[in-house]
Amino acid sequence: MLDWIRQAQESKVQQLVKMAATIMAHRTGILAWYDCHISTGKVEGINNKIKVMKRTAYGFRDEHYFKLRL
């Protein structure tokens, strides 16, 4: 990974340099995946479903019904 980042930075191609900087900024998080395979995908999915319900319930006055749907 570090070899690719070095080559990207030396290439002087703006998109590659920016991508290399992004990868370096998130390097510890990316490499942590290989130590501990934990994903927040399920939590993000639940949060997304709640947001969709909130959008579809916009304008309803019964907050109790919304809590029941959750």
N, C-alpha and C. Protein backbone atom coordinates (compact mmCIF):
# COMPACT_ATOMS: atom_id res chain seq x y z
N MET A 1 0.82 -1.18 0.00
CA MET A 1 0.00 0.00 0.00
C MET A 1 0.88 1.26 0.00
N LEU A 2 1.92 1.25 0.80
CA LEU A 2 2.78 2.43 0.87
C LEU A 2 3.51 2.67 -0.44
N ASP A 3 3.84 1.60 -1.16
CA ASP A 3 4.49 1.77 -2.46
C ASP A 3 3.57 2.49 -3.44
N TRP A 4 2.29 2.08 -3.46
CA TRP A 4 1.34 2.72 -4.35
C TRP A 4 1.16 4.20 -4.00
N ILE A 5 1.08 4.49 -2.71
CA ILE A 5 0.91 5.88 -2.27
C ILE A 5 2.11 6.72 -2.70
N ARG A 6 3.30 6.18 -2.52
CA ARG A 6 4.51 6.90 -2.93
C ARG A 6 4.50 7.16 -4.43
N GLN A 7 4.14 6.13 -5.23
CA GLN A 7 4.08 6.30 -6.68
C GLN A 7 3.02 7.31 -7.09
N ALA A 8 1.88 7.29 -6.40
CA ALA A 8 0.81 8.24 -6.71
C ALA A 8 1.25 9.66 -6.43
N GLN A 9 1.94 9.86 -5.32
CA GLN A 9 2.40 11.20 -4.97
C GLN A 9 3.47 11.69 -5.95
N GLU A 10 4.32 10.80 -6.40
CA GLU A 10 5.37 11.17 -7.35
C GLU A 10 4.84 11.39 -8.76
N SER A 11 3.66 10.86 -9.06
CA SER A 11 3.12 10.98 -10.42
C SER A 11 2.68 12.41 -10.75
N LYS A 12 2.40 13.21 -9.73
CA LYS A 12 1.95 14.59 -9.89
C LYS A 12 0.57 14.70 -10.56
N VAL A 13 -0.14 13.57 -10.70
CA VAL A 13 -1.51 13.60 -11.20
C VAL A 13 -2.40 13.99 -10.02
N GLN A 14 -3.14 15.08 -10.19
CA GLN A 14 -3.87 15.67 -9.07
C GLN A 14 -4.83 14.68 -8.41
N GLN A 15 -5.57 13.92 -9.19
CA GLN A 15 -6.52 12.97 -8.62
C GLN A 15 -5.82 11.87 -7.82
N LEU A 16 -4.68 11.38 -8.33
CA LEU A 16 -3.94 10.34 -7.62
C LEU A 16 -3.32 10.86 -6.33
N VAL A 17 -2.81 12.09 -6.38
CA VAL A 17 -2.22 12.69 -5.18
C VAL A 17 -3.30 12.86 -4.11
N LYS A 18 -4.48 13.32 -4.53
CA LYS A 18 -5.58 13.51 -3.58
C LYS A 18 -6.03 12.17 -3.00
N MET A 19 -6.12 11.14 -3.84
CA MET A 19 -6.52 9.82 -3.37
C MET A 19 -5.48 9.26 -2.40
N ALA A 20 -4.22 9.45 -2.70
CA ALA A 20 -3.15 8.98 -1.81
C ALA A 20 -3.23 9.68 -0.45
N ALA A 21 -3.53 10.97 -0.45
CA ALA A 21 -3.67 11.71 0.81
C ALA A 21 -4.86 11.19 1.61
N THR A 22 -5.95 10.90 0.91
CA THR A 22 -7.14 10.36 1.59
C THR A 22 -6.85 9.00 2.21
N ILE A 23 -6.18 8.15 1.47
CA ILE A 23 -5.84 6.82 1.98
C ILE A 23 -4.92 6.95 3.19
N MET A 24 -3.95 7.84 3.13
CA MET A 24 -3.05 8.03 4.27
C MET A 24 -3.79 8.56 5.49
N ALA A 25 -4.77 9.43 5.27
CA ALA A 25 -5.54 10.00 6.39
C ALA A 25 -6.38 8.92 7.08
N HIS A 26 -6.86 7.95 6.31
CA HIS A 26 -7.72 6.90 6.86
C HIS A 26 -6.99 5.56 6.99
N ARG A 27 -5.70 5.59 6.92
CA ARG A 27 -4.89 4.36 6.90
C ARG A 27 -5.12 3.47 8.12
N THR A 28 -5.16 4.06 9.31
CA THR A 28 -5.33 3.23 10.51
C THR A 28 -6.68 2.54 10.52
N GLY A 29 -7.72 3.25 10.08
CA GLY A 29 -9.05 2.63 10.01
C GLY A 29 -9.14 1.54 8.97
N ILE A 30 -8.49 1.76 7.83
CA ILE A 30 -8.49 0.75 6.76
C ILE A 30 -7.76 -0.50 7.23
N LEU A 31 -6.60 -0.33 7.84
CA LEU A 31 -5.83 -1.48 8.29
C LEU A 31 -6.46 -2.16 9.50
N ALA A 32 -7.24 -1.42 10.29
CA ALA A 32 -7.90 -2.01 11.45
C ALA A 32 -8.90 -3.08 11.04
N TRP A 33 -9.45 -2.96 9.84
CA TRP A 33 -10.41 -3.95 9.36
C TRP A 33 -9.78 -5.34 9.34
N TYR A 34 -8.53 -5.43 9.02
CA TYR A 34 -7.88 -6.72 8.93
C TYR A 34 -7.57 -7.32 10.30
N ASP A 35 -7.52 -6.49 11.33
CA ASP A 35 -7.33 -6.99 12.69
C ASP A 35 -8.64 -7.43 13.32
N CYS A 36 -9.69 -6.68 13.11
CA CYS A 36 -10.97 -6.94 13.75
C CYS A 36 -12.09 -6.63 12.76
N HIS A 37 -12.73 -7.66 12.24
CA HIS A 37 -13.74 -7.51 11.19
C HIS A 37 -15.08 -7.03 11.76
N ILE A 38 -15.14 -5.78 12.16
CA ILE A 38 -16.37 -5.20 12.68
C ILE A 38 -16.87 -4.18 11.67
N SER A 39 -18.15 -4.28 11.36
CA SER A 39 -18.77 -3.36 10.42
C SER A 39 -19.95 -2.66 11.08
N THR A 40 -20.18 -1.42 10.71
CA THR A 40 -21.33 -0.69 11.22
C THR A 40 -22.47 -0.71 10.20
N GLY A 41 -22.41 -1.61 9.26
CA GLY A 41 -23.41 -1.68 8.20
C GLY A 41 -24.82 -1.87 8.70
N LYS A 42 -25.01 -2.76 9.67
CA LYS A 42 -26.36 -3.01 10.19
C LYS A 42 -26.91 -1.78 10.89
N VAL A 43 -26.09 -1.11 11.67
CA VAL A 43 -26.53 0.09 12.37
C VAL A 43 -26.87 1.19 11.37
N GLU A 44 -26.05 1.34 10.34
CA GLU A 44 -26.33 2.35 9.31
C GLU A 44 -27.62 2.03 8.59
N GLY A 45 -27.89 0.75 8.34
CA GLY A 45 -29.13 0.36 7.69
C GLY A 45 -30.35 0.69 8.54
N ILE A 46 -30.26 0.43 9.84
CA ILE A 46 -31.36 0.76 10.74
C ILE A 46 -31.58 2.27 10.78
N ASN A 47 -30.50 3.04 10.88
CA ASN A 47 -30.62 4.50 10.87
C ASN A 47 -31.26 5.00 9.58
N ASN A 48 -30.91 4.39 8.46
CA ASN A 48 -31.49 4.79 7.18
C ASN A 48 -32.99 4.50 7.16
N LYS A 49 -33.41 3.35 7.67
CA LYS A 49 -34.84 3.02 7.71
C LYS A 49 -35.60 4.02 8.57
N ILE A 50 -35.01 4.43 9.69
CA ILE A 50 -35.65 5.43 10.55
C ILE A 50 -35.79 6.76 9.81
N LYS A 51 -34.76 7.16 9.08
CA LYS A 51 -34.83 8.42 8.33
C LYS A 51 -35.93 8.36 7.27
N VAL A 52 -36.05 7.21 6.60
CA VAL A 52 -37.10 7.06 5.57
C VAL A 52 -38.47 7.15 6.22
N MET A 53 -38.66 6.51 7.37
CA MET A 53 -39.94 6.60 8.07
C MET A 53 -40.24 8.04 8.48
N LYS A 54 -39.23 8.77 8.92
CA LYS A 54 -39.44 10.16 9.30
C LYS A 54 -39.87 11.00 8.10
N ARG A 55 -39.27 10.73 6.94
CA ARG A 55 -39.65 11.49 5.74
C ARG A 55 -41.07 11.17 5.32
N THR A 56 -41.46 9.89 5.37
CA THR A 56 -42.81 9.53 4.95
C THR A 56 -43.85 9.99 5.96
N ALA A 57 -43.47 10.18 7.21
CA ALA A 57 -44.40 10.62 8.25
C ALA A 57 -44.45 12.13 8.39
N TYR A 58 -43.75 12.86 7.52
CA TYR A 58 -43.70 14.31 7.63
C TYR A 58 -45.11 14.88 7.53
N GLY A 59 -45.47 15.70 8.48
CA GLY A 59 -46.79 16.33 8.48
C GLY A 59 -47.78 15.65 9.41
N PHE A 60 -47.51 14.41 9.81
CA PHE A 60 -48.40 13.75 10.77
C PHE A 60 -48.22 14.39 12.13
N ARG A 61 -49.30 14.50 12.86
CA ARG A 61 -49.23 15.16 14.16
C ARG A 61 -49.12 14.17 15.32
N ASP A 62 -49.32 12.90 15.04
CA ASP A 62 -49.34 11.90 16.11
C ASP A 62 -47.94 11.33 16.31
N GLU A 63 -47.24 11.87 17.27
CA GLU A 63 -45.88 11.41 17.57
C GLU A 63 -45.90 10.01 18.16
N HIS A 64 -46.95 9.66 18.86
CA HIS A 64 -47.07 8.32 19.46
C HIS A 64 -47.09 7.25 18.37
N TYR A 65 -47.80 7.49 17.26
CA TYR A 65 -47.84 6.53 16.16
C TYR A 65 -46.45 6.34 15.55
N PHE A 66 -45.71 7.43 15.42
CA PHE A 66 -44.36 7.32 14.89
C PHE A 66 -43.48 6.45 15.79
N LYS A 67 -43.59 6.64 17.09
CA LYS A 67 -42.82 5.82 18.02
C LYS A 67 -43.22 4.36 17.94
N LEU A 68 -44.50 4.07 17.71
CA LEU A 68 -44.94 2.69 17.53
C LEU A 68 -44.32 2.07 16.29
N ARG A 69 -44.23 2.84 15.22
CA ARG A 69 -43.63 2.32 13.98
C ARG A 69 -42.15 2.03 14.17
N LEU A 70 -41.49 2.84 15.00
CA LEU A 70 -40.06 2.60 15.25
C LEU A 70 -39.91 1.31 16.01
